PDB file of N, CA and C in Angstrom:
ATOM      1  N   MET A   1      97.821  88.498 106.952  1.00  0.00           N
ATOM      2  CA  MET A   1      98.628  87.491 106.291  1.00  0.00           C
ATOM      3  C   MET A   1      97.702  86.539 105.543  1.00  0.00           C
ATOM      4  N   ALA A   2      98.234  85.933 104.515  1.00  0.00           N
ATOM      5  CA  ALA A   2      97.443  85.008 103.707  1.00  0.00           C
ATOM      6  C   ALA A   2      97.051  83.784 104.525  1.00  0.00           C
ATOM      7  N   GLU A   3      95.939  83.202 104.137  1.00  0.00           N
ATOM      8  CA  GLU A   3      95.481  81.984 104.792  1.00  0.00           C
ATOM      9  C   GLU A   3      96.500  80.873 104.536  1.00  0.00           C
ATOM     10  N   GLU A   4      96.848  80.147 105.573  1.00  0.00           N
ATOM     11  CA  GLU A   4      97.821  79.074 105.431  1.00  0.00           C
ATOM     12  C   GLU A   4      97.115  77.807 104.965  1.00  0.00           C
ATOM     13  N   VAL A   5      97.444  77.380 103.765  1.00  0.00           N
ATOM     14  CA  VAL A   5      96.856  76.195 103.162  1.00  0.00           C
ATOM     15  C   VAL A   5      97.979  75.399 102.526  1.00  0.00           C
ATOM     16  N   PHE A   6      97.987  74.094 102.733  1.00  0.00           N
ATOM     17  CA  PHE A   6      98.992  73.247 102.124  1.00  0.00           C
ATOM     18  C   PHE A   6      98.687  73.120 100.636  1.00  0.00           C
ATOM     19  N   SER A   7      99.683  73.397  99.805  1.00  0.00           N
ATOM     20  CA  SER A   7      99.510  73.281  98.361  1.00  0.00           C
ATOM     21  C   SER A   7     100.441  72.204  97.828  1.00  0.00           C
ATOM     22  N   GLN A   8      99.868  71.124  97.341  1.00  0.00           N
ATOM     23  CA  GLN A   8     100.655  70.045  96.749  1.00  0.00           C
ATOM     24  C   GLN A   8     101.139  70.484  95.378  1.00  0.00           C
ATOM     25  N   ARG A   9     102.439  70.405  95.135  1.00  0.00           N
ATOM     26  CA  ARG A   9     102.963  70.867  93.859  1.00  0.00           C
ATOM     27  C   ARG A   9     102.447  69.997  92.714  1.00  0.00           C
ATOM     28  N   THR A  10     102.273  70.637  91.567  1.00  0.00           N
ATOM     29  CA  THR A  10     101.838  69.929  90.371  1.00  0.00           C
ATOM     30  C   THR A  10     102.999  69.649  89.431  1.00  0.00           C
ATOM     31  N   THR A  11     104.080  70.373  89.607  1.00  0.00           N
ATOM     32  CA  THR A  11     105.266  70.217  88.770  1.00  0.00           C
ATOM     33  C   THR A  11     106.465  70.791  89.526  1.00  0.00           C
ATOM     34  N   THR A  12     107.634  70.613  88.964  1.00  0.00           N
ATOM     35  CA  THR A  12     108.840  71.156  89.585  1.00  0.00           C
ATOM     36  C   THR A  12     109.339  72.345  88.782  1.00  0.00           C
ATOM     37  N   CYS A  13     110.160  73.164  89.409  1.00  0.00           N
ATOM     38  CA  CYS A  13     110.672  74.353  88.741  1.00  0.00           C
ATOM     39  C   CYS A  13     111.486  74.008  87.492  1.00  0.00           C
ATOM     40  N   GLY A  14     112.224  72.917  87.538  1.00  0.00           N
ATOM     41  CA  GLY A  14     113.077  72.566  86.415  1.00  0.00           C
ATOM     42  C   GLY A  14     112.383  71.875  85.265  1.00  0.00           C
ATOM     43  N   SER A  15     111.122  71.517  85.415  1.00  0.00           N
ATOM     44  CA  SER A  15     110.465  70.733  84.363  1.00  0.00           C
ATOM     45  C   SER A  15     109.516  71.534  83.484  1.00  0.00           C
ATOM     46  N   LEU A  16     109.337  72.821  83.742  1.00  0.00           N
ATOM     47  CA  LEU A  16     108.423  73.622  82.934  1.00  0.00           C
ATOM     48  C   LEU A  16     109.030  73.910  81.561  1.00  0.00           C
ATOM     49  N   THR A  17     108.218  73.752  80.510  1.00  0.00           N
ATOM     50  CA  THR A  17     108.665  73.999  79.136  1.00  0.00           C
ATOM     51  C   THR A  17     107.621  74.836  78.411  1.00  0.00           C
ATOM     52  N   LYS A  18     107.908  75.195  77.160  1.00  0.00           N
ATOM     53  CA  LYS A  18     106.945  75.954  76.367  1.00  0.00           C
ATOM     54  C   LYS A  18     105.633  75.195  76.198  1.00  0.00           C
ATOM     55  N   ALA A  19     105.682  73.878  76.262  1.00  0.00           N
ATOM     56  CA  ALA A  19     104.463  73.071  76.138  1.00  0.00           C
ATOM     57  C   ALA A  19     103.508  73.314  77.309  1.00  0.00           C
ATOM     58  N   ASP A  20     104.032  73.799  78.438  1.00  0.00           N
ATOM     59  CA  ASP A  20     103.211  74.078  79.624  1.00  0.00           C
ATOM     60  C   ASP A  20     102.599  75.470  79.606  1.00  0.00           C
ATOM     61  N   ASN A  21     102.862  76.249  78.567  1.00  0.00           N
ATOM     62  CA  ASN A  21     102.397  77.630  78.494  1.00  0.00           C
ATOM     63  C   ASN A  21     100.882  77.705  78.701  1.00  0.00           C
ATOM     64  N   GLY A  22     100.450  78.535  79.653  1.00  0.00           N
ATOM     65  CA  GLY A  22      99.032  78.714  79.949  1.00  0.00           C
ATOM     66  C   GLY A  22      98.470  77.754  80.976  1.00  0.00           C
ATOM     67  N   ALA A  23      99.260  76.790  81.401  1.00  0.00           N
ATOM     68  CA  ALA A  23      98.782  75.798  82.373  1.00  0.00           C
ATOM     69  C   ALA A  23      98.802  76.376  83.781  1.00  0.00           C
ATOM     70  N   LYS A  24      97.819  75.993  84.580  1.00  0.00           N
ATOM     71  CA  LYS A  24      97.812  76.367  85.993  1.00  0.00           C
ATOM     72  C   LYS A  24      98.738  75.409  86.725  1.00  0.00           C
ATOM     73  N   VAL A  25      99.684  75.967  87.485  1.00  0.00           N
ATOM     74  CA  VAL A  25     100.672  75.142  88.178  1.00  0.00           C
ATOM     75  C   VAL A  25     100.774  75.543  89.641  1.00  0.00           C
ATOM     76  N   VAL A  26     101.213  74.602  90.454  1.00  0.00           N
ATOM     77  CA  VAL A  26     101.549  74.855  91.854  1.00  0.00           C
ATOM     78  C   VAL A  26     103.005  74.465  92.011  1.00  0.00           C
ATOM     79  N   LEU A  27     103.819  75.418  92.466  1.00  0.00           N
ATOM     80  CA  LEU A  27     105.245  75.190  92.683  1.00  0.00           C
ATOM     81  C   LEU A  27     105.563  75.375  94.157  1.00  0.00           C
ATOM     82  N   ASN A  28     106.450  74.562  94.666  1.00  0.00           N
ATOM     83  CA  ASN A  28     106.952  74.704  96.031  1.00  0.00           C
ATOM     84  C   ASN A  28     108.460  74.876  95.949  1.00  0.00           C
ATOM     85  N   GLY A  29     108.999  75.750  96.774  1.00  0.00           N
ATOM     86  CA  GLY A  29     110.448  75.927  96.761  1.00  0.00           C
ATOM     87  C   GLY A  29     110.884  77.036  97.695  1.00  0.00           C
ATOM     88  N   TRP A  30     112.144  77.433  97.527  1.00  0.00           N
ATOM     89  CA  TRP A  30     112.759  78.458  98.347  1.00  0.00           C
ATOM     90  C   TRP A  30     112.943  79.722  97.528  1.00  0.00           C
ATOM     91  N   VAL A  31     112.820  80.874  98.183  1.00  0.00           N
ATOM     92  CA  VAL A  31     113.078  82.147  97.523  1.00  0.00           C
ATOM     93  C   VAL A  31     114.587  82.247  97.308  1.00  0.00           C
ATOM     94  N   HIS A  32     114.981  82.263  96.033  1.00  0.00           N
ATOM     95  CA  HIS A  32     116.400  82.304  95.667  1.00  0.00           C
ATOM     96  C   HIS A  32     116.862  83.749  95.467  1.00  0.00           C
ATOM     97  N   ARG A  33     116.067  84.543  94.795  1.00  0.00           N
ATOM     98  CA  ARG A  33     116.299  85.973  94.606  1.00  0.00           C
ATOM     99  C   ARG A  33     114.948  86.669  94.712  1.00  0.00           C
ATOM    100  N   ASP A  34     114.990  87.945  95.101  1.00  0.00           N
ATOM    101  CA  ASP A  34     113.758  88.711  95.286  1.00  0.00           C
ATOM    102  C   ASP A  34     114.043  90.143  94.853  1.00  0.00           C
ATOM    103  N   ARG A  35     113.346  90.591  93.788  1.00  0.00           N
ATOM    104  CA  ARG A  35     113.565  91.948  93.292  1.00  0.00           C
ATOM    105  C   ARG A  35     112.219  92.662  93.174  1.00  0.00           C
ATOM    106  N   ASN A  36     112.100  93.786  93.857  1.00  0.00           N
ATOM    107  CA  ASN A  36     110.877  94.572  93.823  1.00  0.00           C
ATOM    108  C   ASN A  36     111.138  95.826  92.998  1.00  0.00           C
ATOM    109  N   HIS A  37     110.435  95.938  91.873  1.00  0.00           N
ATOM    110  CA  HIS A  37     110.592  97.087  90.985  1.00  0.00           C
ATOM    111  C   HIS A  37     109.330  97.945  90.983  1.00  0.00           C
ATOM    112  N   GLY A  38     108.685  98.038  92.122  1.00  0.00           N
ATOM    113  CA  GLY A  38     107.474  98.849  92.226  1.00  0.00           C
ATOM    114  C   GLY A  38     106.258  98.131  91.655  1.00  0.00           C
ATOM    115  N   ALA A  39     105.971  98.370  90.368  1.00  0.00           N
ATOM    116  CA  ALA A  39     104.799  97.755  89.746  1.00  0.00           C
ATOM    117  C   ALA A  39     105.001  96.262  89.502  1.00  0.00           C
ATOM    118  N   LEU A  40     106.238  95.812  89.421  1.00  0.00           N
ATOM    119  CA  LEU A  40     106.534  94.397  89.217  1.00  0.00           C
ATOM    120  C   LEU A  40     107.433  93.880  90.329  1.00  0.00           C
ATOM    121  N   HIS A  41     107.105  92.697  90.812  1.00  0.00           N
ATOM    122  CA  HIS A  41     107.892  92.053  91.864  1.00  0.00           C
ATOM    123  C   HIS A  41     108.334  90.702  91.304  1.00  0.00           C
ATOM    124  N   PHE A  42     109.639  90.494  91.185  1.00  0.00           N
ATOM    125  CA  PHE A  42     110.185  89.255  90.637  1.00  0.00           C
ATOM    126  C   PHE A  42     110.733  88.395  91.764  1.00  0.00           C
ATOM    127  N   ILE A  43     110.312  87.142  91.786  1.00  0.00           N
ATOM    128  CA  ILE A  43     110.779  86.185  92.788  1.00  0.00           C
ATOM    129  C   ILE A  43     111.335  84.980  92.037  1.00  0.00           C
ATOM    130  N   ASN A  44     112.605  84.678  92.224  1.00  0.00           N
ATOM    131  CA  ASN A  44     113.175  83.463  91.654  1.00  0.00           C
ATOM    132  C   ASN A  44     112.951  82.347  92.660  1.00  0.00           C
ATOM    133  N   LEU A  45     112.142  81.382  92.272  1.00  0.00           N
ATOM    134  CA  LEU A  45     111.777  80.261  93.133  1.00  0.00           C
ATOM    135  C   LEU A  45     112.642  79.063  92.770  1.00  0.00           C
ATOM    136  N   ARG A  46     113.305  78.473  93.763  1.00  0.00           N
ATOM    137  CA  ARG A  46     114.244  77.375  93.534  1.00  0.00           C
ATOM    138  C   ARG A  46     113.768  76.113  94.226  1.00  0.00           C
ATOM    139  N   ASP A  47     113.831  75.001  93.507  1.00  0.00           N
ATOM    140  CA  ASP A  47     113.687  73.697  94.136  1.00  0.00           C
ATOM    141  C   ASP A  47     114.886  72.866  93.700  1.00  0.00           C
ATOM    142  N   ARG A  48     114.917  71.602  94.045  1.00  0.00           N
ATOM    143  CA  ARG A  48     116.098  70.797  93.746  1.00  0.00           C
ATOM    144  C   ARG A  48     116.274  70.524  92.262  1.00  0.00           C
ATOM    145  N   TYR A  49     115.253  70.873  91.456  1.00  0.00           N
ATOM    146  CA  TYR A  49     115.290  70.582  90.027  1.00  0.00           C
ATOM    147  C   TYR A  49     115.589  71.790  89.151  1.00  0.00           C
ATOM    148  N   GLY A  50     115.506  73.000  89.699  1.00  0.00           N
ATOM    149  CA  GLY A  50     115.768  74.188  88.894  1.00  0.00           C
ATOM    150  C   GLY A  50     115.224  75.449  89.528  1.00  0.00           C
ATOM    151  N   ILE A  51     115.170  76.501  88.719  1.00  0.00           N
ATOM    152  CA  ILE A  51     114.701  77.817  89.169  1.00  0.00           C
ATOM    153  C   ILE A  51     113.647  78.314  88.189  1.00  0.00           C
ATOM    154  N   THR A  52     112.572  78.878  88.733  1.00  0.00           N
ATOM    155  CA  THR A  52     111.512  79.480  87.929  1.00  0.00           C
ATOM    156  C   THR A  52     111.264  80.883  88.446  1.00  0.00           C
ATOM    157  N   GLN A  53     111.084  81.819  87.520  1.00  0.00           N
ATOM    158  CA  GLN A  53     110.801  83.202  87.915  1.00  0.00           C
ATOM    159  C   GLN A  53     109.297  83.379  88.106  1.00  0.00           C
ATOM    160  N   VAL A  54     108.927  83.912  89.253  1.00  0.00           N
ATOM    161  CA  VAL A  54     107.534  84.213  89.584  1.00  0.00           C
ATOM    162  C   VAL A  54     107.377  85.728  89.521  1.00  0.00           C
ATOM    163  N   VAL A  55     106.305  86.198  88.887  1.00  0.00           N
ATOM    164  CA  VAL A  55     106.072  87.637  88.750  1.00  0.00           C
ATOM    165  C   VAL A  55     104.767  87.996  89.452  1.00  0.00           C
ATOM    166  N   VAL A  56     104.836  88.969  90.347  1.00  0.00           N
ATOM    167  CA  VAL A  56     103.646  89.542  90.987  1.00  0.00           C
ATOM    168  C   VAL A  56     103.537  90.957  90.431  1.00  0.00           C
ATOM    169  N   ASP A  57     102.488  91.219  89.630  1.00  0.00           N
ATOM    170  CA  ASP A  57     102.377  92.542  89.021  1.00  0.00           C
ATOM    171  C   ASP A  57     101.389  93.428  89.761  1.00  0.00           C
ATOM    172  N   ASP A  58     101.216  94.642  89.263  1.00  0.00           N
ATOM    173  CA  ASP A  58     100.360  95.596  89.962  1.00  0.00           C
ATOM    174  C   ASP A  58      98.878  95.251  89.870  1.00  0.00           C
ATOM    175  N   ASP A  59      98.515  94.266  89.043  1.00  0.00           N
ATOM    176  CA  ASP A  59      97.123  93.802  88.984  1.00  0.00           C
ATOM    177  C   ASP A  59      96.786  92.835  90.115  1.00  0.00           C
ATOM    178  N   ALA A  60      97.806  92.359  90.828  1.00  0.00           N
ATOM    179  CA  ALA A  60      97.594  91.405  91.925  1.00  0.00           C
ATOM    180  C   ALA A  60      96.875  92.106  93.081  1.00  0.00           C
ATOM    181  N   SER A  61      96.212  91.304  93.892  1.00  0.00           N
ATOM    182  CA  SER A  61      95.489  91.862  95.040  1.00  0.00           C
ATOM    183  C   SER A  61      96.464  92.522  96.017  1.00  0.00           C
ATOM    184  N   ASN A  62      95.946  93.425  96.811  1.00  0.00           N
ATOM    185  CA  ASN A  62      96.780  94.093  97.820  1.00  0.00           C
ATOM    186  C   ASN A  62      97.362  93.088  98.804  1.00  0.00           C
ATOM    187  N   GLU A  63      96.573  92.059  99.138  1.00  0.00           N
ATOM    188  CA  GLU A  63      97.037  91.032 100.070  1.00  0.00           C
ATOM    189  C   GLU A  63      98.232  90.270  99.490  1.00  0.00           C
ATOM    190  N   LEU A  64      98.140  89.900  98.202  1.00  0.00           N
ATOM    191  CA  LEU A  64      99.246  89.178  97.561  1.00  0.00           C
ATOM    192  C   LEU A  64     100.485  90.059  97.463  1.00  0.00           C
ATOM    193  N   GLN A  65     100.315  91.323  97.128  1.00  0.00           N
ATOM    194  CA  GLN A  65     101.451  92.242  97.059  1.00  0.00           C
ATOM    195  C   GLN A  65     102.102  92.400  98.434  1.00  0.00           C
ATOM    196  N   ALA A  66     101.301  92.446  99.497  1.00  0.00           N
ATOM    197  CA  ALA A  66     101.847  92.565 100.848  1.00  0.00           C
ATOM    198  C   ALA A  66     102.647  91.327 101.226  1.00  0.00           C
ATOM    199  N   VAL A  67     102.143  90.144 100.873  1.00  0.00           N
ATOM    200  CA  VAL A  67     102.871  88.904 101.157  1.00  0.00           C
ATOM    201  C   VAL A  67     104.186  88.889 100.388  1.00  0.00           C
ATOM    202  N   ALA A  68     104.158  89.273  99.106  1.00  0.00           N
ATOM    203  CA  ALA A  68     105.384  89.306  98.294  1.00  0.00           C
ATOM    204  C   ALA A  68     106.414  90.255  98.889  1.00  0.00           C
ATOM    205  N   ASN A  69     105.964  91.370  99.440  1.00  0.00           N
ATOM    206  CA  ASN A  69     106.887  92.345 100.044  1.00  0.00           C
ATOM    207  C   ASN A  69     107.525  91.835 101.335  1.00  0.00           C
ATOM    208  N   GLU A  70     106.893  90.871 101.994  1.00  0.00           N
ATOM    209  CA  GLU A  70     107.418  90.334 103.262  1.00  0.00           C
ATOM    210  C   GLU A  70     108.389  89.177 103.066  1.00  0.00           C
ATOM    211  N   LEU A  71     108.545  88.690 101.839  1.00  0.00           N
ATOM    212  CA  LEU A  71     109.413  87.537 101.597  1.00  0.00           C
ATOM    213  C   LEU A  71     110.884  87.888 101.773  1.00  0.00           C
ATOM    214  N   HIS A  72     111.646  86.917 102.245  1.00  0.00           N
ATOM    215  CA  HIS A  72     113.098  87.056 102.394  1.00  0.00           C
ATOM    216  C   HIS A  72     113.764  85.846 101.748  1.00  0.00           C
ATOM    217  N   LEU A  73     115.048  85.965 101.488  1.00  0.00           N
ATOM    218  CA  LEU A  73     115.790  84.860 100.898  1.00  0.00           C
ATOM    219  C   LEU A  73     115.656  83.612 101.755  1.00  0.00           C
ATOM    220  N   GLU A  74     115.517  82.485 101.074  1.00  0.00           N
ATOM    221  CA  GLU A  74     115.419  81.157 101.663  1.00  0.00           C
ATOM    222  C   GLU A  74     114.089  80.869 102.357  1.00  0.00           C
ATOM    223  N   TYR A  75     113.112  81.778 102.274  1.00  0.00           N
ATOM    224  CA  TYR A  75     111.771  81.425 102.745  1.00  0.00           C
ATOM    225  C   TYR A  75     111.264  80.276 101.882  1.00  0.00           C
ATOM    226  N   CYS A  76     110.572  79.346 102.483  1.00  0.00           N
ATOM    227  CA  CYS A  76     109.974  78.224 101.763  1.00  0.00           C
ATOM    228  C   CYS A  76     108.521  78.588 101.481  1.00  0.00           C
ATOM    229  N   ILE A  77     108.153  78.618 100.194  1.00  0.00           N
ATOM    230  CA  ILE A  77     106.814  79.075  99.824  1.00  0.00           C
ATOM    231  C   ILE A  77     106.178  78.130  98.798  1.00  0.00           C
ATOM    232  N   ALA A  78     104.869  78.235  98.668  1.00  0.00           N
ATOM    233  CA  ALA A  78     104.110  77.568  97.615  1.00  0.00           C
ATOM    234  C   ALA A  78     103.468  78.660  96.768  1.00  0.00           C
ATOM    235  N   VAL A  79     103.507  78.476  95.460  1.00  0.00           N
ATOM    236  CA  VAL A  79     102.970  79.473  94.533  1.00  0.00           C
ATOM    237  C   VAL A  79     101.983  78.778  93.601  1.00  0.00           C
ATOM    238  N   THR A  80     100.798  79.366  93.458  1.00  0.00           N
ATOM    239  CA  THR A  80      99.822  78.884  92.488  1.00  0.00           C
ATOM    240  C   THR A  80      99.611  79.969  91.458  1.00  0.00           C
ATOM    241  N   GLY A  81      99.700  79.597  90.189  1.00  0.00           N
ATOM    242  CA  GLY A  81      99.517  80.583  89.123  1.00  0.00           C
ATOM    243  C   GLY A  81      99.527  79.920  87.767  1.00  0.00           C
ATOM    244  N   TRP A  82      99.589  80.751  86.729  1.00  0.00           N
ATOM    245  CA  TRP A  82      99.597  80.261  85.353  1.00  0.00           C
ATOM    246  C   TRP A  82     100.976  80.473  84.767  1.00  0.00           C
ATOM    247  N   TYR A  83     101.471  79.426  84.124  1.00  0.00           N
ATOM    248  CA  TYR A  83     102.809  79.477  83.543  1.00  0.00           C
ATOM    249  C   TYR A  83     102.764  80.217  82.212  1.00  0.00           C
ATOM    250  N   VAL A  84     103.679  81.176  82.052  1.00  0.00           N
ATOM    251  CA  VAL A  84     103.827  81.918  80.808  1.00  0.00           C
ATOM    252  C   VAL A  84     105.286  81.779  80.391  1.00  0.00           C
ATOM    253  N   SER A  85     105.516  81.123  79.255  1.00  0.00           N
ATOM    254  CA  SER A  85     106.894  80.978  78.789  1.00  0.00           C
ATOM    255  C   SER A  85     107.281  82.244  78.049  1.00  0.00           C
ATOM    256  N   GLY A  86     108.540  82.607  78.182  1.00  0.00           N
ATOM    257  CA  GLY A  86     109.048  83.801  77.517  1.00  0.00           C
ATOM    258  C   GLY A  86     110.101  83.429  76.497  1.00  0.00           C
ATOM    259  N   PRO A  87     110.656  84.437  75.842  1.00  0.00           N
ATOM    260  CA  PRO A  87     111.752  84.181  74.904  1.00  0.00           C
ATOM    261  C   PRO A  87     112.920  83.509  75.621  1.00  0.00           C
ATOM    262  N   ILE A  88     113.763  82.861  74.862  1.00  0.00           N
ATOM    263  CA  ILE A  88     114.868  82.106  75.448  1.00  0.00           C
ATOM    264  C   ILE A  88     115.765  82.993  76.317  1.00  0.00           C
ATOM    265  N   GLN A  89     115.903  84.280  75.968  1.00  0.00           N
ATOM    266  CA  GLN A  89     116.766  85.145  76.777  1.00  0.00           C
ATOM    267  C   GLN A  89     116.164  85.430  78.150  1.00  0.00           C
ATOM    268  N   TRP A  90     114.862  85.128  78.348  1.00  0.00           N
ATOM    269  CA  TRP A  90     114.235  85.294  79.650  1.00  0.00           C
ATOM    270  C   TRP A  90     114.488  84.107  80.556  1.00  0.00           C
ATOM    271  N   SER A  91     114.959  83.035  79.997  1.00  0.00           N
ATOM    272  CA  SER A  91     115.149  81.809  80.781  1.00  0.00           C
ATOM    273  C   SER A  91     116.160  82.042  81.883  1.00  0.00           C
ATOM    274  N   ILE A  92     115.912  81.434  83.020  1.00  0.00           N
ATOM    275  CA  ILE A  92     116.843  81.508  84.136  1.00  0.00           C
ATOM    276  C   ILE A  92     117.759  80.302  84.053  1.00  0.00           C
ATOM    277  N   GLN A  93     119.018  80.566  84.004  1.00  0.00           N
ATOM    278  CA  GLN A  93     119.978  79.472  83.896  1.00  0.00           C
ATOM    279  C   GLN A  93     120.732  79.322  85.203  1.00  0.00           C
ATOM    280  N   LYS A  94     121.023  78.113  85.545  1.00  0.00           N
ATOM    281  CA  LYS A  94     121.784  77.820  86.754  1.00  0.00           C
ATOM    282  C   LYS A  94     123.264  77.803  86.390  1.00  0.00           C
ATOM    283  N   TRP A  95     124.065  78.591  87.071  1.00  0.00           N
ATOM    284  CA  TRP A  95     125.489  78.687  86.761  1.00  0.00           C
ATOM    285  C   TRP A  95     126.294  77.768  87.618  1.00  0.00           C
TER     286      TRP A  95
END
């Protein structure tokens, strides 16, 4: 299992914009949806401000892929990575 380290968030899920593209961010939240498509693992991370999609691809370490595979809905997690904005149709909207 991954080393347990407290990660202070740098931003919230609902506040990321195209201006943040390429920035290193730390997000904290709950697993809202979890979809494993083999080479790509999509995790919708939710906090009180919105939802952000987290992608774990096949370039990720084996340890990170194993942790992603063990996640369940409503697990509380911290994610550190680089924000990549996509086209507007990729945006996750809250219904």
